[in-house]
Amino acid sequence: MKQFLFLLIAFIQFNFVKVPAQEKRYSFTREKMASPFTIIFYTNDSTHANLVANECFNLADSFINIFSDYIEKSELNQLSASGGLGKSIPVSPALYDIMLESEKAYILTRGSFDITLGPVIRLWRKARKEKQFPEASAIAAKMKSVGFDKVKIDARTGSIKLTSTNMQLDLGGIAQGYIAQKVLERLFSRNIRKALINVSGDIAIGDAPPAKKGWTIGVNLPESEQLQENKLVLSNRAVSTSGDMYQFIEHEGKKFSHIVDPRTGYGITSQKNVTVIAKDATTADWLATACSIMPLKKAKRLAKKLQAEVLIAELKNGTIVQSSTKKFSHFYSSHKGND
């Protein structure tokens, strides 16, 4: 009798065990900064999924309103307008944080990444739009306002002073990665870890999807929409690709990229794609830009220092030449190693 009673109790307990609902894949895309902004994650609650996605898009909007140089009254543009006035401007925690990240990138790249390039970048934007190559004198004039040494960050007061007139900060090479990372962190805080955030090619990645080793990511070939045969499989990493497939201007038989070399004021002319895998999307974003400008050996050395991996694929005389850090291939879907 006791054995029967035990089995009966066990049966009742088993049938009242709450089995977790199976996680489903949710994908949300909205246009932000004139490009698709995609949030993908797994959860077992559709109501929660929609609420969290809206919260994440609102968070992204709050950052865009601070960082965008296209929005006239953005906090970034208001800071730029203070250049040369001799005033230290108190800024929001988000702007202060990304300015510190930008300063770090400037120092580590020895000036190959510089957010003060705004005046020159705007000149090149106009040139591409009007298909009119800028005059050397115009570039030289704009370069007088360029240089992160003209930015003074006061850690004590959380304020920033721009010491030169006609300055224009441009966060285009770092903001998308920064926003992607912050949105991913917001998902983590809502107990959603199997996630991917894609901000126009700057991708922040959490845990792998159910029953998968990671998220599969394709990488473009230089000057082409075609993807490389090898795909990346990533989890708890970030990846960013920088290239000039769509944004360039041709002059005297050369393509001048939208990626401007802070040392010269001219768009780079090498036809390359740079893909960076890093631990966070902020680093992946600015490092991809910097490695497009830096000499190959220095780019790979910096990536190694930051515990990142980089692949540089360059089109030379119609042939694609690739070079990468040693462990980049470990993230390929075809990799058979133990790492």
C-alpha atoms as a PDB file:
ATOM      1  CA  MET A   1       0.000   0.000   0.000  1.00  0.00           C
ATOM      2  CA  LYS A   2       2.821   2.410   0.894  1.00  0.00           C
ATOM      3  CA  GLN A   3       4.516   1.717  -2.426  1.00  0.00           C
ATOM      4  CA  PHE A   4       1.283   2.441  -4.298  1.00  0.00           C
ATOM      5  CA  LEU A   5       0.767   5.678  -2.324  1.00  0.00           C
ATOM      6  CA  PHE A   6       4.352   6.768  -3.098  1.00  0.00           C
ATOM      7  CA  LEU A   7       3.862   6.133  -6.801  1.00  0.00           C
ATOM      8  CA  LEU A   8       0.563   8.017  -6.759  1.00  0.00           C
ATOM      9  CA  ILE A   9       2.132  11.029  -5.048  1.00  0.00           C
ATOM     10  CA  ALA A  10       5.064  10.949  -7.493  1.00  0.00           C
ATOM     11  CA  PHE A  11       2.615  10.803 -10.402  1.00  0.00           C
ATOM     12  CA  ILE A  12       0.659  13.793  -9.118  1.00  0.00           C
ATOM     13  CA  GLN A  13       3.856  15.812  -8.492  1.00  0.00           C
ATOM     14  CA  PHE A  14       5.190  14.981 -11.942  1.00  0.00           C
ATOM     15  CA  ASN A  15       2.009  16.137 -13.610  1.00  0.00           C
ATOM     16  CA  PHE A  16       2.029  19.420 -11.746  1.00  0.00           C
ATOM     17  CA  VAL A  17       5.631  20.292 -12.576  1.00  0.00           C
ATOM     18  CA  LYS A  18       5.573  23.506 -14.567  1.00  0.00           C
ATOM     19  CA  VAL A  19       7.360  22.893 -17.867  1.00  0.00           C
ATOM     20  CA  PRO A  20       8.869  26.112 -19.311  1.00  0.00           C
ATOM     21  CA  ALA A  21       7.325  27.255 -22.567  1.00  0.00           C
ATOM     22  CA  GLN A  22       9.596  26.746 -25.537  1.00  0.00           C
ATOM     23  CA  GLU A  23      11.515  29.831 -26.612  1.00  0.00           C
ATOM     24  CA  LYS A  24      10.493  31.384 -29.914  1.00  0.00           C
ATOM     25  CA  ARG A  25      12.434  33.620 -32.261  1.00  0.00           C
ATOM     26  CA  TYR A  26      11.269  37.226 -32.510  1.00  0.00           C
ATOM     27  CA  SER A  27      12.571  39.719 -35.056  1.00  0.00           C
ATOM     28  CA  PHE A  28      11.824  43.454 -35.164  1.00  0.00           C
ATOM     29  CA  THR A  29      13.111  45.956 -37.727  1.00  0.00           C
ATOM     30  CA  ARG A  30      12.645  49.718 -37.904  1.00  0.00           C
ATOM     31  CA  GLU A  31      14.436  52.375 -39.877  1.00  0.00           C
ATOM     32  CA  LYS A  32      16.884  54.376 -37.816  1.00  0.00           C
ATOM     33  CA  MET A  33      19.543  56.748 -39.140  1.00  0.00           C
ATOM     34  CA  ALA A  34      18.276  56.042 -42.695  1.00  0.00           C
ATOM     35  CA  SER A  35      19.176  52.351 -42.333  1.00  0.00           C
ATOM     36  CA  PRO A  36      17.532  49.168 -41.015  1.00  0.00           C
ATOM     37  CA  PHE A  37      17.850  48.647 -37.267  1.00  0.00           C
ATOM     38  CA  THR A  38      17.118  45.012 -36.427  1.00  0.00           C
ATOM     39  CA  ILE A  39      16.604  43.347 -33.048  1.00  0.00           C
ATOM     40  CA  ILE A  40      16.375  39.539 -32.933  1.00  0.00           C
ATOM     41  CA  PHE A  41      16.011  37.501 -29.772  1.00  0.00           C
ATOM     42  CA  TYR A  42      14.515  34.357 -28.262  1.00  0.00           C
ATOM     43  CA  THR A  43      11.972  34.346 -25.446  1.00  0.00           C
ATOM     44  CA  ASN A  44       8.900  32.387 -24.413  1.00  0.00           C
ATOM     45  CA  ASP A  45       6.510  35.304 -23.964  1.00  0.00           C
ATOM     46  CA  SER A  46       5.192  37.210 -27.004  1.00  0.00           C
ATOM     47  CA  THR A  47       3.762  40.060 -24.926  1.00  0.00           C
ATOM     48  CA  HIS A  48       7.064  40.510 -23.132  1.00  0.00           C
ATOM     49  CA  ALA A  49       8.877  40.338 -26.485  1.00  0.00           C
ATOM     50  CA  ASN A  50       6.922  43.234 -27.970  1.00  0.00           C
ATOM     51  CA  LEU A  51       7.237  45.354 -24.844  1.00  0.00           C
ATOM     52  CA  VAL A  52      10.985  44.828 -24.630  1.00  0.00           C
ATOM     53  CA  ALA A  53      11.494  45.489 -28.350  1.00  0.00           C
ATOM     54  CA  ASN A  54       9.655  48.824 -28.082  1.00  0.00           C
ATOM     55  CA  GLU A  55      11.723  49.704 -25.031  1.00  0.00           C
ATOM     56  CA  CYS A  56      14.918  48.952 -26.970  1.00  0.00           C
ATOM     57  CA  PHE A  57      13.873  51.045 -29.978  1.00  0.00           C
ATOM     58  CA  ASN A  58      13.034  53.935 -27.638  1.00  0.00           C
ATOM     59  CA  LEU A  59      16.451  53.574 -26.049  1.00  0.00           C
ATOM     60  CA  ALA A  60      18.057  53.698 -29.498  1.00  0.00           C
ATOM     61  CA  ASP A  61      16.091  56.859 -30.329  1.00  0.00           C
ATOM     62  CA  SER A  62      17.304  58.531 -27.148  1.00  0.00           C
ATOM     63  CA  PHE A  63      20.916  57.882 -28.160  1.00  0.00           C
ATOM     64  CA  ILE A  64      20.332  58.999 -31.752  1.00  0.00           C
ATOM     65  CA  ASN A  65      18.893  62.312 -30.536  1.00  0.00           C
ATOM     66  CA  ILE A  66      22.101  62.855 -28.578  1.00  0.00           C
ATOM     67  CA  PHE A  67      24.704  61.602 -31.066  1.00  0.00           C
ATOM     68  CA  SER A  68      23.408  62.490 -34.531  1.00  0.00           C
ATOM     69  CA  ASP A  69      25.064  65.314 -36.463  1.00  0.00           C
ATOM     70  CA  TYR A  70      22.092  65.228 -38.870  1.00  0.00           C
ATOM     71  CA  ILE A  71      19.667  66.444 -36.164  1.00  0.00           C
ATOM     72  CA  GLU A  72      20.093  70.205 -35.862  1.00  0.00           C
ATOM     73  CA  LYS A  73      19.355  70.414 -32.133  1.00  0.00           C
ATOM     74  CA  SER A  74      21.129  67.237 -31.091  1.00  0.00           C
ATOM     75  CA  GLU A  75      23.334  67.472 -28.033  1.00  0.00           C
ATOM     76  CA  LEU A  76      26.345  66.663 -30.215  1.00  0.00           C
ATOM     77  CA  ASN A  77      25.661  69.602 -32.534  1.00  0.00           C
ATOM     78  CA  GLN A  78      25.115  71.925 -29.589  1.00  0.00           C
ATOM     79  CA  LEU A  79      28.484  70.876 -28.217  1.00  0.00           C
ATOM     80  CA  SER A  80      30.105  71.446 -31.623  1.00  0.00           C
ATOM     81  CA  ALA A  81      28.620  74.952 -31.732  1.00  0.00           C
ATOM     82  CA  SER A  82      30.501  75.821 -28.528  1.00  0.00           C
ATOM     83  CA  GLY A  83      33.870  75.451 -30.275  1.00  0.00           C
ATOM     84  CA  GLY A  84      36.225  78.366 -29.634  1.00  0.00           C
ATOM     85  CA  LEU A  85      33.926  80.080 -27.132  1.00  0.00           C
ATOM     86  CA  GLY A  86      36.160  79.202 -24.195  1.00  0.00           C
ATOM     87  CA  LYS A  87      33.381  77.404 -22.330  1.00  0.00           C
ATOM     88  CA  SER A  88      33.304  73.977 -20.735  1.00  0.00           C
ATOM     89  CA  ILE A  89      29.928  72.437 -21.561  1.00  0.00           C
ATOM     90  CA  PRO A  90      28.287  69.956 -19.148  1.00  0.00           C
ATOM     91  CA  VAL A  91      27.094  66.948 -21.171  1.00  0.00           C
ATOM     92  CA  SER A  92      24.822  63.973 -20.614  1.00  0.00           C
ATOM     93  CA  PRO A  93      26.308  60.733 -19.247  1.00  0.00           C
ATOM     94  CA  ALA A  94      25.844  59.072 -22.662  1.00  0.00           C
ATOM     95  CA  LEU A  95      27.688  61.796 -24.573  1.00  0.00           C
ATOM     96  CA  TYR A  96      30.421  61.933 -21.937  1.00  0.00           C
ATOM     97  CA  ASP A  97      30.839  58.156 -22.136  1.00  0.00           C
ATOM     98  CA  ILE A  98      31.115  58.017 -25.926  1.00  0.00           C
ATOM     99  CA  MET A  99      33.550  60.954 -25.889  1.00  0.00           C
ATOM    100  CA  LEU A 100      35.785  58.967 -23.527  1.00  0.00           C
ATOM    101  CA  GLU A 101      35.558  55.968 -25.862  1.00  0.00           C
ATOM    102  CA  SER A 102      36.447  58.232 -28.795  1.00  0.00           C
ATOM    103  CA  GLU A 103      39.433  59.653 -26.935  1.00  0.00           C
ATOM    104  CA  LYS A 104      40.660  56.125 -26.188  1.00  0.00           C
ATOM    105  CA  ALA A 105      40.286  55.187 -29.873  1.00  0.00           C
ATOM    106  CA  TYR A 106      42.185  58.320 -30.935  1.00  0.00           C
ATOM    107  CA  ILE A 107      45.071  57.529 -28.582  1.00  0.00           C
ATOM    108  CA  LEU A 108      45.276  53.826 -29.449  1.00  0.00           C
ATOM    109  CA  THR A 109      45.231  54.497 -33.195  1.00  0.00           C
ATOM    110  CA  ARG A 110      47.625  57.453 -32.901  1.00  0.00           C
ATOM    111  CA  GLY A 111      45.126  59.672 -34.654  1.00  0.00           C
ATOM    112  CA  SER A 112      43.846  57.290 -37.334  1.00  0.00           C
ATOM    113  CA  PHE A 113      40.416  57.490 -35.685  1.00  0.00           C
ATOM    114  CA  ASP A 114      39.319  61.043 -34.948  1.00  0.00           C
ATOM    115  CA  ILE A 115      35.745  62.229 -34.335  1.00  0.00           C
ATOM    116  CA  THR A 116      36.749  65.874 -34.923  1.00  0.00           C
ATOM    117  CA  LEU A 117      36.875  65.200 -38.684  1.00  0.00           C
ATOM    118  CA  GLY A 118      33.306  66.490 -39.021  1.00  0.00           C
ATOM    119  CA  PRO A 119      34.105  69.626 -41.113  1.00  0.00           C
ATOM    120  CA  VAL A 120      36.026  67.541 -43.661  1.00  0.00           C
ATOM    121  CA  ILE A 121      33.470  64.711 -43.679  1.00  0.00           C
ATOM    122  CA  ARG A 122      30.689  67.206 -44.445  1.00  0.00           C
ATOM    123  CA  LEU A 123      32.756  68.577 -47.318  1.00  0.00           C
ATOM    124  CA  TRP A 124      33.106  65.068 -48.760  1.00  0.00           C
ATOM    125  CA  ARG A 125      29.391  64.359 -48.273  1.00  0.00           C
ATOM    126  CA  LYS A 126      28.578  67.406 -50.353  1.00  0.00           C
ATOM    127  CA  ALA A 127      31.156  66.372 -52.960  1.00  0.00           C
ATOM    128  CA  ARG A 128      29.598  62.917 -53.344  1.00  0.00           C
ATOM    129  CA  LYS A 129      26.109  64.346 -53.543  1.00  0.00           C
ATOM    130  CA  GLU A 130      27.031  66.944 -56.165  1.00  0.00           C
ATOM    131  CA  LYS A 131      29.581  64.648 -57.873  1.00  0.00           C
ATOM    132  CA  GLN A 132      32.099  67.470 -57.667  1.00  0.00           C
ATOM    133  CA  PHE A 133      35.572  66.695 -56.331  1.00  0.00           C
ATOM    134  CA  PRO A 134      36.522  69.176 -53.556  1.00  0.00           C
ATOM    135  CA  GLU A 135      39.271  71.732 -54.081  1.00  0.00           C
ATOM    136  CA  ALA A 136      42.534  71.181 -52.205  1.00  0.00           C
ATOM    137  CA  SER A 137      42.237  74.650 -50.673  1.00  0.00           C
ATOM    138  CA  ALA A 138      38.783  73.811 -49.274  1.00  0.00           C
ATOM    139  CA  ILE A 139      40.093  70.621 -47.661  1.00  0.00           C
ATOM    140  CA  ALA A 140      43.067  72.487 -46.174  1.00  0.00           C
ATOM    141  CA  ALA A 141      40.752  75.135 -44.707  1.00  0.00           C
ATOM    142  CA  LYS A 142      38.510  72.531 -43.065  1.00  0.00           C
ATOM    143  CA  MET A 143      41.484  70.629 -41.668  1.00  0.00           C
ATOM    144  CA  LYS A 144      42.410  73.650 -39.502  1.00  0.00           C
ATOM    145  CA  SER A 145      39.482  72.742 -37.204  1.00  0.00           C
ATOM    146  CA  VAL A 146      40.435  69.054 -36.965  1.00  0.00           C
ATOM    147  CA  GLY A 147      42.333  67.313 -34.172  1.00  0.00           C
ATOM    148  CA  PHE A 148      41.291  65.636 -30.933  1.00  0.00           C
ATOM    149  CA  ASP A 149      43.932  67.707 -29.174  1.00  0.00           C
ATOM    150  CA  LYS A 150      41.350  70.496 -29.487  1.00  0.00           C
ATOM    151  CA  VAL A 151      38.971  68.538 -27.212  1.00  0.00           C
ATOM    152  CA  LYS A 152      39.359  68.917 -23.453  1.00  0.00           C
ATOM    153  CA  ILE A 153      37.474  66.414 -21.273  1.00  0.00           C
ATOM    154  CA  ASP A 154      37.056  67.352 -17.608  1.00  0.00           C
ATOM    155  CA  ALA A 155      36.493  64.186 -15.562  1.00  0.00           C
ATOM    156  CA  ARG A 156      35.829  66.181 -12.393  1.00  0.00           C
ATOM    157  CA  THR A 157      32.863  68.114 -13.777  1.00  0.00           C
ATOM    158  CA  GLY A 158      31.773  65.786 -16.587  1.00  0.00           C
ATOM    159  CA  SER A 159      32.122  68.648 -19.055  1.00  0.00           C
ATOM    160  CA  ILE A 160      33.825  69.152 -22.400  1.00  0.00           C
ATOM    161  CA  LYS A 161      35.542  72.143 -23.965  1.00  0.00           C
ATOM    162  CA  LEU A 162      36.242  72.535 -27.691  1.00  0.00           C
ATOM    163  CA  THR A 163      39.110  74.964 -28.065  1.00  0.00           C
ATOM    164  CA  SER A 164      38.875  75.752 -31.791  1.00  0.00           C
ATOM    165  CA  THR A 165      36.233  77.533 -33.853  1.00  0.00           C
ATOM    166  CA  ASN A 166      34.262  75.849 -36.667  1.00  0.00           C
ATOM    167  CA  MET A 167      34.558  72.427 -35.075  1.00  0.00           C
ATOM    168  CA  GLN A 168      32.113  69.663 -35.947  1.00  0.00           C
ATOM    169  CA  LEU A 169      32.158  66.373 -34.094  1.00  0.00           C
ATOM    170  CA  ASP A 170      31.153  63.315 -36.092  1.00  0.00           C
ATOM    171  CA  LEU A 171      30.412  60.040 -34.291  1.00  0.00           C
ATOM    172  CA  GLY A 172      29.624  58.125 -37.480  1.00  0.00           C
ATOM    173  CA  GLY A 173      32.463  55.653 -36.927  1.00  0.00           C
ATOM    174  CA  ILE A 174      31.522  54.716 -33.364  1.00  0.00           C
ATOM    175  CA  ALA A 175      27.915  55.596 -32.508  1.00  0.00           C
ATOM    176  CA  GLN A 176      26.192  52.709 -34.292  1.00  0.00           C
ATOM    177  CA  GLY A 177      28.336  50.157 -32.495  1.00  0.00           C
ATOM    178  CA  TYR A 178      27.841  51.956 -29.196  1.00  0.00           C
ATOM    179  CA  ILE A 179      24.055  51.954 -29.610  1.00  0.00           C
ATOM    180  CA  ALA A 180      24.008  48.283 -30.637  1.00  0.00           C
ATOM    181  CA  GLN A 181      25.983  47.366 -27.521  1.00  0.00           C
ATOM    182  CA  LYS A 182      23.731  49.373 -25.203  1.00  0.00           C
ATOM    183  CA  VAL A 183      20.579  47.821 -26.688  1.00  0.00           C
ATOM    184  CA  LEU A 184      22.049  44.340 -26.209  1.00  0.00           C
ATOM    185  CA  GLU A 185      22.848  45.189 -22.598  1.00  0.00           C
ATOM    186  CA  ARG A 186      19.251  46.354 -22.106  1.00  0.00           C
ATOM    187  CA  LEU A 187      18.033  42.971 -23.360  1.00  0.00           C
ATOM    188  CA  PHE A 188      20.346  41.267 -20.877  1.00  0.00           C
ATOM    189  CA  SER A 189      18.820  43.339 -18.082  1.00  0.00           C
ATOM    190  CA  ARG A 190      15.395  42.016 -19.159  1.00  0.00           C
ATOM    191  CA  ASN A 191      16.619  38.403 -18.878  1.00  0.00           C
ATOM    192  CA  ILE A 192      16.944  37.964 -22.632  1.00  0.00           C
ATOM    193  CA  ARG A 193      20.400  36.704 -23.564  1.00  0.00           C
ATOM    194  CA  LYS A 194      19.938  34.858 -26.872  1.00  0.00           C
ATOM    195  CA  ALA A 195      19.990  37.993 -28.993  1.00  0.00           C
ATOM    196  CA  LEU A 196      21.488  39.828 -31.943  1.00  0.00           C
ATOM    197  CA  ILE A 197      21.372  43.575 -32.650  1.00  0.00           C
ATOM    198  CA  ASN A 198      22.201  44.754 -36.172  1.00  0.00           C
ATOM    199  CA  VAL A 199      22.593  48.495 -36.631  1.00  0.00           C
ATOM    200  CA  SER A 200      23.311  48.786 -40.341  1.00  0.00           C
ATOM    201  CA  GLY A 201      26.118  46.235 -40.227  1.00  0.00           C
ATOM    202  CA  ASP A 202      27.407  46.951 -36.732  1.00  0.00           C
ATOM    203  CA  ILE A 203      26.344  43.812 -34.888  1.00  0.00           C
ATOM    204  CA  ALA A 204      26.250  43.048 -31.163  1.00  0.00           C
ATOM    205  CA  ILE A 205      25.675  39.400 -30.286  1.00  0.00           C
ATOM    206  CA  GLY A 206      24.621  37.644 -27.083  1.00  0.00           C
ATOM    207  CA  ASP A 207      24.246  33.932 -26.385  1.00  0.00           C
ATOM    208  CA  ALA A 208      23.775  31.506 -29.266  1.00  0.00           C
ATOM    209  CA  PRO A 209      20.270  30.594 -30.501  1.00  0.00           C
ATOM    210  CA  PRO A 210      18.783  27.357 -29.104  1.00  0.00           C
ATOM    211  CA  ALA A 211      20.680  24.236 -30.214  1.00  0.00           C
ATOM    212  CA  LYS A 212      23.195  26.344 -32.187  1.00  0.00           C
ATOM    213  CA  LYS A 213      26.884  27.095 -31.693  1.00  0.00           C
ATOM    214  CA  GLY A 214      26.350  30.747 -32.547  1.00  0.00           C
ATOM    215  CA  TRP A 215      24.766  33.256 -34.894  1.00  0.00           C
ATOM    216  CA  THR A 216      25.779  32.897 -38.542  1.00  0.00           C
ATOM    217  CA  ILE A 217      27.097  36.128 -40.099  1.00  0.00           C
ATOM    218  CA  GLY A 218      28.085  36.727 -43.728  1.00  0.00           C
ATOM    219  CA  VAL A 219      30.955  38.994 -44.774  1.00  0.00           C
ATOM    220  CA  ASN A 220      30.965  41.026 -48.001  1.00  0.00           C
ATOM    221  CA  LEU A 221      33.741  40.850 -50.541  1.00  0.00           C
ATOM    222  CA  PRO A 222      35.343  44.197 -51.520  1.00  0.00           C
ATOM    223  CA  GLU A 223      33.389  46.214 -54.096  1.00  0.00           C
ATOM    224  CA  SER A 224      30.639  43.583 -54.190  1.00  0.00           C
ATOM    225  CA  GLU A 225      27.366  42.504 -52.600  1.00  0.00           C
ATOM    226  CA  GLN A 226      28.622  38.924 -52.866  1.00  0.00           C
ATOM    227  CA  LEU A 227      29.391  37.230 -49.560  1.00  0.00           C
ATOM    228  CA  GLN A 228      32.549  35.332 -48.796  1.00  0.00           C
ATOM    229  CA  GLU A 229      32.134  31.553 -48.930  1.00  0.00           C
ATOM    230  CA  ASN A 230      33.078  31.192 -45.259  1.00  0.00           C
ATOM    231  CA  LYS A 231      30.510  32.438 -42.770  1.00  0.00           C
ATOM    232  CA  LEU A 232      31.238  33.567 -39.228  1.00  0.00           C
ATOM    233  CA  VAL A 233      29.616  31.795 -36.280  1.00  0.00           C
ATOM    234  CA  LEU A 234      29.612  34.054 -33.227  1.00  0.00           C
ATOM    235  CA  SER A 235      28.252  34.297 -29.707  1.00  0.00           C
ATOM    236  CA  ASN A 236      28.929  36.930 -27.051  1.00  0.00           C
ATOM    237  CA  ARG A 237      30.987  38.914 -29.514  1.00  0.00           C
ATOM    238  CA  ALA A 238      30.521  41.856 -31.852  1.00  0.00           C
ATOM    239  CA  VAL A 239      31.371  42.214 -35.518  1.00  0.00           C
ATOM    240  CA  SER A 240      31.626  45.223 -37.793  1.00  0.00           C
ATOM    241  CA  THR A 241      32.596  45.611 -41.450  1.00  0.00           C
ATOM    242  CA  SER A 242      33.855  48.828 -42.991  1.00  0.00           C
ATOM    243  CA  GLY A 243      34.092  49.376 -46.748  1.00  0.00           C
ATOM    244  CA  ASP A 244      33.407  51.784 -49.607  1.00  0.00           C
ATOM    245  CA  MET A 245      31.042  49.760 -51.787  1.00  0.00           C
ATOM    246  CA  TYR A 246      28.335  52.421 -51.832  1.00  0.00           C
ATOM    247  CA  GLN A 247      29.899  55.667 -50.612  1.00  0.00           C
ATOM    248  CA  PHE A 248      32.709  57.004 -52.765  1.00  0.00           C
ATOM    249  CA  ILE A 249      33.520  59.576 -55.435  1.00  0.00           C
ATOM    250  CA  GLU A 250      35.650  58.946 -58.506  1.00  0.00           C
ATOM    251  CA  HIS A 251      38.338  61.409 -59.590  1.00  0.00           C
ATOM    252  CA  GLU A 252      41.088  60.950 -62.170  1.00  0.00           C
ATOM    253  CA  GLY A 253      40.550  57.205 -62.283  1.00  0.00           C
ATOM    254  CA  LYS A 254      40.581  56.712 -58.493  1.00  0.00           C
ATOM    255  CA  LYS A 255      37.820  55.941 -56.018  1.00  0.00           C
ATOM    256  CA  PHE A 256      37.927  58.136 -52.924  1.00  0.00           C
ATOM    257  CA  SER A 257      36.086  56.438 -50.060  1.00  0.00           C
ATOM    258  CA  HIS A 258      33.752  58.058 -47.528  1.00  0.00           C
ATOM    259  CA  ILE A 259      36.336  56.916 -44.960  1.00  0.00           C
ATOM    260  CA  VAL A 260      38.568  59.952 -44.522  1.00  0.00           C
ATOM    261  CA  ASP A 261      42.173  59.754 -43.353  1.00  0.00           C
ATOM    262  CA  PRO A 262      42.508  62.277 -40.478  1.00  0.00           C
ATOM    263  CA  ARG A 263      46.148  62.880 -41.422  1.00  0.00           C
ATOM    264  CA  THR A 264      45.418  64.049 -44.981  1.00  0.00           C
ATOM    265  CA  GLY A 265      41.756  65.068 -45.121  1.00  0.00           C
ATOM    266  CA  TYR A 266      41.222  62.886 -48.190  1.00  0.00           C
ATOM    267  CA  GLY A 267      39.120  59.763 -48.568  1.00  0.00           C
ATOM    268  CA  ILE A 268      41.205  56.601 -48.709  1.00  0.00           C
ATOM    269  CA  THR A 269      41.725  55.163 -52.191  1.00  0.00           C
ATOM    270  CA  SER A 270      42.470  51.525 -51.370  1.00  0.00           C
ATOM    271  CA  GLN A 271      39.512  49.311 -52.232  1.00  0.00           C
ATOM    272  CA  LYS A 272      39.096  47.164 -49.164  1.00  0.00           C
ATOM    273  CA  ASN A 273      36.668  45.666 -46.697  1.00  0.00           C
ATOM    274  CA  VAL A 274      37.734  45.438 -43.079  1.00  0.00           C
ATOM    275  CA  THR A 275      35.892  43.076 -40.743  1.00  0.00           C
ATOM    276  CA  VAL A 276      36.565  43.208 -37.009  1.00  0.00           C
ATOM    277  CA  ILE A 277      35.440  40.725 -34.366  1.00  0.00           C
ATOM    278  CA  ALA A 278      35.681  42.216 -30.879  1.00  0.00           C
ATOM    279  CA  LYS A 279      34.295  41.676 -27.414  1.00  0.00           C
ATOM    280  CA  ASP A 280      31.991  44.677 -27.710  1.00  0.00           C
ATOM    281  CA  ALA A 281      30.331  46.506 -30.594  1.00  0.00           C
ATOM    282  CA  THR A 282      31.726  49.925 -29.725  1.00  0.00           C
ATOM    283  CA  THR A 283      35.279  48.671 -30.209  1.00  0.00           C
ATOM    284  CA  ALA A 284      34.377  46.657 -33.316  1.00  0.00           C
ATOM    285  CA  ASP A 285      32.872  49.764 -34.938  1.00  0.00           C
ATOM    286  CA  TRP A 286      35.724  52.235 -34.459  1.00  0.00           C
ATOM    287  CA  LEU A 287      38.422  49.607 -34.959  1.00  0.00           C
ATOM    288  CA  ALA A 288      36.991  48.631 -38.366  1.00  0.00           C
ATOM    289  CA  THR A 289      37.241  52.269 -39.447  1.00  0.00           C
ATOM    290  CA  ALA A 290      40.738  52.715 -38.039  1.00  0.00           C
ATOM    291  CA  CYS A 291      42.040  49.495 -39.617  1.00  0.00           C
ATOM    292  CA  SER A 292      40.832  50.782 -42.993  1.00  0.00           C
ATOM    293  CA  ILE A 293      43.308  53.650 -42.605  1.00  0.00           C
ATOM    294  CA  MET A 294      46.225  52.162 -40.688  1.00  0.00           C
ATOM    295  CA  PRO A 295      49.054  50.191 -42.320  1.00  0.00           C
ATOM    296  CA  LEU A 296      48.358  46.456 -42.295  1.00  0.00           C
ATOM    297  CA  LYS A 297      50.922  45.454 -39.679  1.00  0.00           C
ATOM    298  CA  LYS A 298      49.885  48.213 -37.289  1.00  0.00           C
ATOM    299  CA  ALA A 299      46.210  47.356 -37.745  1.00  0.00           C
ATOM    300  CA  LYS A 300      46.800  43.702 -36.873  1.00  0.00           C
ATOM    301  CA  ARG A 301      49.027  44.633 -33.935  1.00  0.00           C
ATOM    302  CA  LEU A 302      46.338  46.935 -32.502  1.00  0.00           C
ATOM    303  CA  ALA A 303      43.629  44.309 -32.959  1.00  0.00           C
ATOM    304  CA  LYS A 304      45.738  41.799 -31.036  1.00  0.00           C
ATOM    305  CA  LYS A 305      46.291  44.332 -28.249  1.00  0.00           C
ATOM    306  CA  LEU A 306      42.513  44.760 -27.933  1.00  0.00           C
ATOM    307  CA  GLN A 307      41.898  40.985 -28.013  1.00  0.00           C
ATOM    308  CA  ALA A 308      40.099  41.459 -31.318  1.00  0.00           C
ATOM    309  CA  GLU A 309      40.448  39.731 -34.677  1.00  0.00           C
ATOM    310  CA  VAL A 310      40.585  41.502 -38.025  1.00  0.00           C
ATOM    311  CA  LEU A 311      40.225  40.435 -41.648  1.00  0.00           C
ATOM    312  CA  ILE A 312      41.347  42.857 -44.359  1.00  0.00           C
ATOM    313  CA  ALA A 313      40.245  41.965 -47.882  1.00  0.00           C
ATOM    314  CA  GLU A 314      41.622  44.303 -50.546  1.00  0.00           C
ATOM    315  CA  LEU A 315      40.959  44.434 -54.256  1.00  0.00           C
ATOM    316  CA  LYS A 316      44.273  44.795 -56.104  1.00  0.00           C
ATOM    317  CA  ASN A 317      44.394  44.714 -59.899  1.00  0.00           C
ATOM    318  CA  GLY A 318      41.159  42.773 -60.026  1.00  0.00           C
ATOM    319  CA  THR A 319      42.290  40.182 -57.465  1.00  0.00           C
ATOM    320  CA  ILE A 320      41.154  39.971 -53.840  1.00  0.00           C
ATOM    321  CA  VAL A 321      44.073  39.774 -51.427  1.00  0.00           C
ATOM    322  CA  GLN A 322      43.239  38.831 -47.834  1.00  0.00           C
ATOM    323  CA  SER A 323      45.155  39.142 -44.604  1.00  0.00           C
ATOM    324  CA  SER A 324      43.937  38.443 -41.097  1.00  0.00           C
ATOM    325  CA  THR A 325      45.005  37.974 -37.505  1.00  0.00           C
ATOM    326  CA  LYS A 326      45.810  34.374 -36.596  1.00  0.00           C
ATOM    327  CA  LYS A 327      42.576  33.494 -34.805  1.00  0.00           C
ATOM    328  CA  PHE A 328      40.102  35.134 -37.178  1.00  0.00           C
ATOM    329  CA  SER A 329      39.574  31.827 -39.013  1.00  0.00           C
ATOM    330  CA  HIS A 330      38.596  30.164 -35.722  1.00  0.00           C
ATOM    331  CA  PHE A 331      35.241  31.907 -36.044  1.00  0.00           C
ATOM    332  CA  TYR A 332      34.472  30.439 -39.478  1.00  0.00           C
ATOM    333  CA  SER A 333      31.699  27.874 -39.667  1.00  0.00           C
ATOM    334  CA  SER A 334      34.167  25.530 -41.387  1.00  0.00           C
ATOM    335  CA  HIS A 335      36.756  25.715 -38.583  1.00  0.00           C
ATOM    336  CA  LYS A 336      37.498  22.289 -37.037  1.00  0.00           C
ATOM    337  CA  GLY A 337      39.829  23.345 -34.252  1.00  0.00           C
ATOM    338  CA  ASN A 338      39.275  23.072 -30.504  1.00  0.00           C
ATOM    339  CA  ASP A 339      39.380  26.805 -29.772  1.00  0.00           C
END
